Amino acid sequence: MLSQSETVIGKDLKFAGQDVKVVSRGRLKVDCEFEGDVTGAEVVISERGKVKGKVVGERVLVLGKIVGAIDGDAITLMSTAHVQGDIQHKSLTIETGAEFDGRSRLSDAGLSSPGPRP
């Protein structure tokens, strides 16, 4: 667990719009419907979380739903995860029961920073 602060996008919110992006240097937890890109050192998509967009992080933990690409060093799809999109990773763990519809690609280089990637 990171010693940095945690940012939570709460369950009573819904984000949508053109070019919506959230960038965090610490732990970012999505607990709502979010249409846009999410970037953080550690990104957690909770069981209630639904992201339609790209998710980028050094560590990405998915318990909810993602429709879009995931890019990270260590990615874990928990048993409740539903992912539609490609995953680029250095390490990928998929628990029994998780749903993954896409391609998995091993990344040669890790993320240099939690900021947006070109």
C-alpha atoms as a PDB file:
ATOM      1  CA  MET A   1       0.000   0.000   0.000  1.00  0.00           C
ATOM      2  CA  LEU A   2       1.251   3.458  -0.848  1.00  0.00           C
ATOM      3  CA  SER A   3       1.972   5.978   1.877  1.00  0.00           C
ATOM      4  CA  GLN A   4       0.716   8.713  -0.473  1.00  0.00           C
ATOM      5  CA  SER A   5      -2.794  10.065  -0.174  1.00  0.00           C
ATOM      6  CA  GLU A   6      -5.737   8.377  -1.836  1.00  0.00           C
ATOM      7  CA  THR A   7      -8.144  10.160  -4.156  1.00  0.00           C
ATOM      8  CA  VAL A   8     -11.618   8.630  -4.417  1.00  0.00           C
ATOM      9  CA  ILE A   9     -14.087   9.454  -7.167  1.00  0.00           C
ATOM     10  CA  GLY A  10     -17.249   8.600  -5.228  1.00  0.00           C
ATOM     11  CA  LYS A  11     -20.194   6.376  -6.018  1.00  0.00           C
ATOM     12  CA  ASP A  12     -22.698   9.239  -6.179  1.00  0.00           C
ATOM     13  CA  LEU A  13     -20.872  10.900  -9.099  1.00  0.00           C
ATOM     14  CA  LYS A  14     -20.914  10.319 -12.841  1.00  0.00           C
ATOM     15  CA  PHE A  15     -18.321  11.904 -15.116  1.00  0.00           C
ATOM     16  CA  ALA A  16     -18.831  12.207 -18.866  1.00  0.00           C
ATOM     17  CA  GLY A  17     -17.775  14.569 -21.628  1.00  0.00           C
ATOM     18  CA  GLN A  18     -15.253  15.184 -24.359  1.00  0.00           C
ATOM     19  CA  ASP A  19     -11.587  14.641 -23.431  1.00  0.00           C
ATOM     20  CA  VAL A  20     -12.205  14.088 -19.700  1.00  0.00           C
ATOM     21  CA  LYS A  21      -8.999  13.031 -17.934  1.00  0.00           C
ATOM     22  CA  VAL A  22      -8.109  12.490 -14.294  1.00  0.00           C
ATOM     23  CA  VAL A  23      -4.410  12.335 -13.372  1.00  0.00           C
ATOM     24  CA  SER A  24      -3.114  11.533  -9.877  1.00  0.00           C
ATOM     25  CA  ARG A  25       0.411  11.057  -8.575  1.00  0.00           C
ATOM     26  CA  GLY A  26      -0.836   8.793  -5.804  1.00  0.00           C
ATOM     27  CA  ARG A  27      -3.534   6.173  -5.388  1.00  0.00           C
ATOM     28  CA  LEU A  28      -6.718   6.818  -7.347  1.00  0.00           C
ATOM     29  CA  LYS A  29      -9.912   4.859  -6.662  1.00  0.00           C
ATOM     30  CA  VAL A  30     -12.841   5.008  -9.091  1.00  0.00           C
ATOM     31  CA  ASP A  31     -16.112   4.111  -7.378  1.00  0.00           C
ATOM     32  CA  CYS A  32     -18.537   5.542  -9.972  1.00  0.00           C
ATOM     33  CA  GLU A  33     -19.291   5.708 -13.694  1.00  0.00           C
ATOM     34  CA  PHE A  34     -16.477   7.552 -15.455  1.00  0.00           C
ATOM     35  CA  GLU A  35     -16.206   8.314 -19.167  1.00  0.00           C
ATOM     36  CA  GLY A  36     -12.650   9.425 -19.876  1.00  0.00           C
ATOM     37  CA  ASP A  37      -9.035   8.524 -19.181  1.00  0.00           C
ATOM     38  CA  VAL A  38      -7.728   7.685 -15.708  1.00  0.00           C
ATOM     39  CA  THR A  39      -4.029   7.872 -14.789  1.00  0.00           C
ATOM     40  CA  GLY A  40      -2.293   7.354 -11.436  1.00  0.00           C
ATOM     41  CA  ALA A  41       0.615   5.627  -9.745  1.00  0.00           C
ATOM     42  CA  GLU A  42      -1.909   3.101  -8.436  1.00  0.00           C
ATOM     43  CA  VAL A  43      -5.404   2.913  -9.941  1.00  0.00           C
ATOM     44  CA  VAL A  44      -8.227   0.901  -8.354  1.00  0.00           C
ATOM     45  CA  ILE A  45     -11.528   0.375 -10.154  1.00  0.00           C
ATOM     46  CA  SER A  46     -13.912  -0.749  -7.403  1.00  0.00           C
ATOM     47  CA  GLU A  47     -16.742  -3.269  -7.845  1.00  0.00           C
ATOM     48  CA  ARG A  48     -19.131  -0.321  -8.393  1.00  0.00           C
ATOM     49  CA  GLY A  49     -16.647   1.431 -10.700  1.00  0.00           C
ATOM     50  CA  LYS A  50     -17.212   1.586 -14.447  1.00  0.00           C
ATOM     51  CA  VAL A  51     -14.667   3.271 -16.714  1.00  0.00           C
ATOM     52  CA  LYS A  52     -15.141   3.900 -20.416  1.00  0.00           C
ATOM     53  CA  GLY A  53     -11.709   5.080 -21.526  1.00  0.00           C
ATOM     54  CA  LYS A  54      -8.017   4.332 -21.068  1.00  0.00           C
ATOM     55  CA  VAL A  55      -6.637   3.378 -17.644  1.00  0.00           C
ATOM     56  CA  VAL A  56      -2.908   3.919 -17.015  1.00  0.00           C
ATOM     57  CA  GLY A  57      -0.932   3.190 -13.841  1.00  0.00           C
ATOM     58  CA  GLU A  58       2.132   1.514 -12.463  1.00  0.00           C
ATOM     59  CA  ARG A  59      -0.292  -0.750 -10.582  1.00  0.00           C
ATOM     60  CA  VAL A  60      -3.861  -1.275 -11.763  1.00  0.00           C
ATOM     61  CA  LEU A  61      -6.373  -3.299  -9.727  1.00  0.00           C
ATOM     62  CA  VAL A  62      -9.722  -3.992 -11.395  1.00  0.00           C
ATOM     63  CA  LEU A  63     -12.757  -5.194  -9.473  1.00  0.00           C
ATOM     64  CA  GLY A  64     -15.351  -3.427 -11.642  1.00  0.00           C
ATOM     65  CA  LYS A  65     -15.784  -2.775 -15.360  1.00  0.00           C
ATOM     66  CA  ILE A  66     -13.488  -1.177 -17.933  1.00  0.00           C
ATOM     67  CA  VAL A  67     -14.335  -0.620 -21.588  1.00  0.00           C
ATOM     68  CA  GLY A  68     -11.044   0.573 -23.036  1.00  0.00           C
ATOM     69  CA  ALA A  69      -7.320  -0.098 -22.926  1.00  0.00           C
ATOM     70  CA  ILE A  70      -5.268  -0.697 -19.785  1.00  0.00           C
ATOM     71  CA  ASP A  71      -1.559   0.157 -19.678  1.00  0.00           C
ATOM     72  CA  GLY A  72       0.599  -0.572 -16.634  1.00  0.00           C
ATOM     73  CA  ASP A  73       3.430  -2.460 -15.010  1.00  0.00           C
ATOM     74  CA  ALA A  74       1.420  -4.747 -12.688  1.00  0.00           C
ATOM     75  CA  ILE A  75      -2.213  -5.333 -13.603  1.00  0.00           C
ATOM     76  CA  THR A  76      -4.612  -7.509 -11.600  1.00  0.00           C
ATOM     77  CA  LEU A  77      -8.095  -8.487 -12.703  1.00  0.00           C
ATOM     78  CA  MET A  78     -10.000  -9.700  -9.658  1.00  0.00           C
ATOM     79  CA  SER A  79     -12.786 -12.301  -9.915  1.00  0.00           C
ATOM     80  CA  THR A  80     -15.450  -9.557 -10.247  1.00  0.00           C
ATOM     81  CA  ALA A  81     -13.645  -7.703 -13.081  1.00  0.00           C
ATOM     82  CA  HIS A  82     -15.111  -7.224 -16.550  1.00  0.00           C
ATOM     83  CA  VAL A  83     -12.647  -5.809 -19.105  1.00  0.00           C
ATOM     84  CA  GLN A  84     -13.321  -5.115 -22.782  1.00  0.00           C
ATOM     85  CA  GLY A  85     -10.123  -3.833 -24.338  1.00  0.00           C
ATOM     86  CA  ASP A  86      -6.444  -4.497 -24.809  1.00  0.00           C
ATOM     87  CA  ILE A  87      -3.990  -4.733 -21.933  1.00  0.00           C
ATOM     88  CA  GLN A  88      -0.309  -3.770 -22.138  1.00  0.00           C
ATOM     89  CA  HIS A  89       1.650  -4.899 -19.083  1.00  0.00           C
ATOM     90  CA  LYS A  90       4.842  -6.184 -17.491  1.00  0.00           C
ATOM     91  CA  SER A  91       2.873  -8.441 -15.121  1.00  0.00           C
ATOM     92  CA  LEU A  92      -0.738  -9.603 -15.526  1.00  0.00           C
ATOM     93  CA  THR A  93      -2.785 -11.578 -12.990  1.00  0.00           C
ATOM     94  CA  ILE A  94      -6.289 -12.770 -13.848  1.00  0.00           C
ATOM     95  CA  GLU A  95      -8.322 -14.383 -11.082  1.00  0.00           C
ATOM     96  CA  THR A  96     -10.803 -17.159 -11.798  1.00  0.00           C
ATOM     97  CA  GLY A  97     -14.166 -15.604 -12.649  1.00  0.00           C
ATOM     98  CA  ALA A  98     -12.773 -12.419 -14.188  1.00  0.00           C
ATOM     99  CA  GLU A  99     -14.000 -11.614 -17.689  1.00  0.00           C
ATOM    100  CA  PHE A 100     -11.465 -10.331 -20.235  1.00  0.00           C
ATOM    101  CA  ASP A 101     -12.300  -9.673 -23.885  1.00  0.00           C
ATOM    102  CA  GLY A 102      -9.275  -8.252 -25.660  1.00  0.00           C
ATOM    103  CA  ARG A 103      -5.592  -8.795 -26.324  1.00  0.00           C
ATOM    104  CA  SER A 104      -2.786  -8.966 -23.798  1.00  0.00           C
ATOM    105  CA  ARG A 105       0.640  -7.639 -24.751  1.00  0.00           C
ATOM    106  CA  LEU A 106       3.825  -7.854 -22.702  1.00  0.00           C
ATOM    107  CA  SER A 107       5.523  -4.456 -22.432  1.00  0.00           C
ATOM    108  CA  ASP A 108       9.293  -4.172 -22.766  1.00  0.00           C
ATOM    109  CA  ALA A 109       9.572  -0.917 -20.836  1.00  0.00           C
ATOM    110  CA  GLY A 110       7.798   0.109 -17.652  1.00  0.00           C
ATOM    111  CA  LEU A 111       6.067   3.373 -17.048  1.00  0.00           C
ATOM    112  CA  SER A 112       8.489   6.165 -16.318  1.00  0.00           C
ATOM    113  CA  SER A 113       5.931   8.324 -14.535  1.00  0.00           C
ATOM    114  CA  PRO A 114       2.233   8.263 -13.707  1.00  0.00           C
ATOM    115  CA  GLY A 115       1.607  11.091 -16.150  1.00  0.00           C
ATOM    116  CA  PRO A 116      -0.080  10.715 -19.533  1.00  0.00           C
ATOM    117  CA  ARG A 117       1.784   8.670 -22.101  1.00  0.00           C
ATOM    118  CA  PRO A 118       2.242   9.752 -25.711  1.00  0.00           C
END
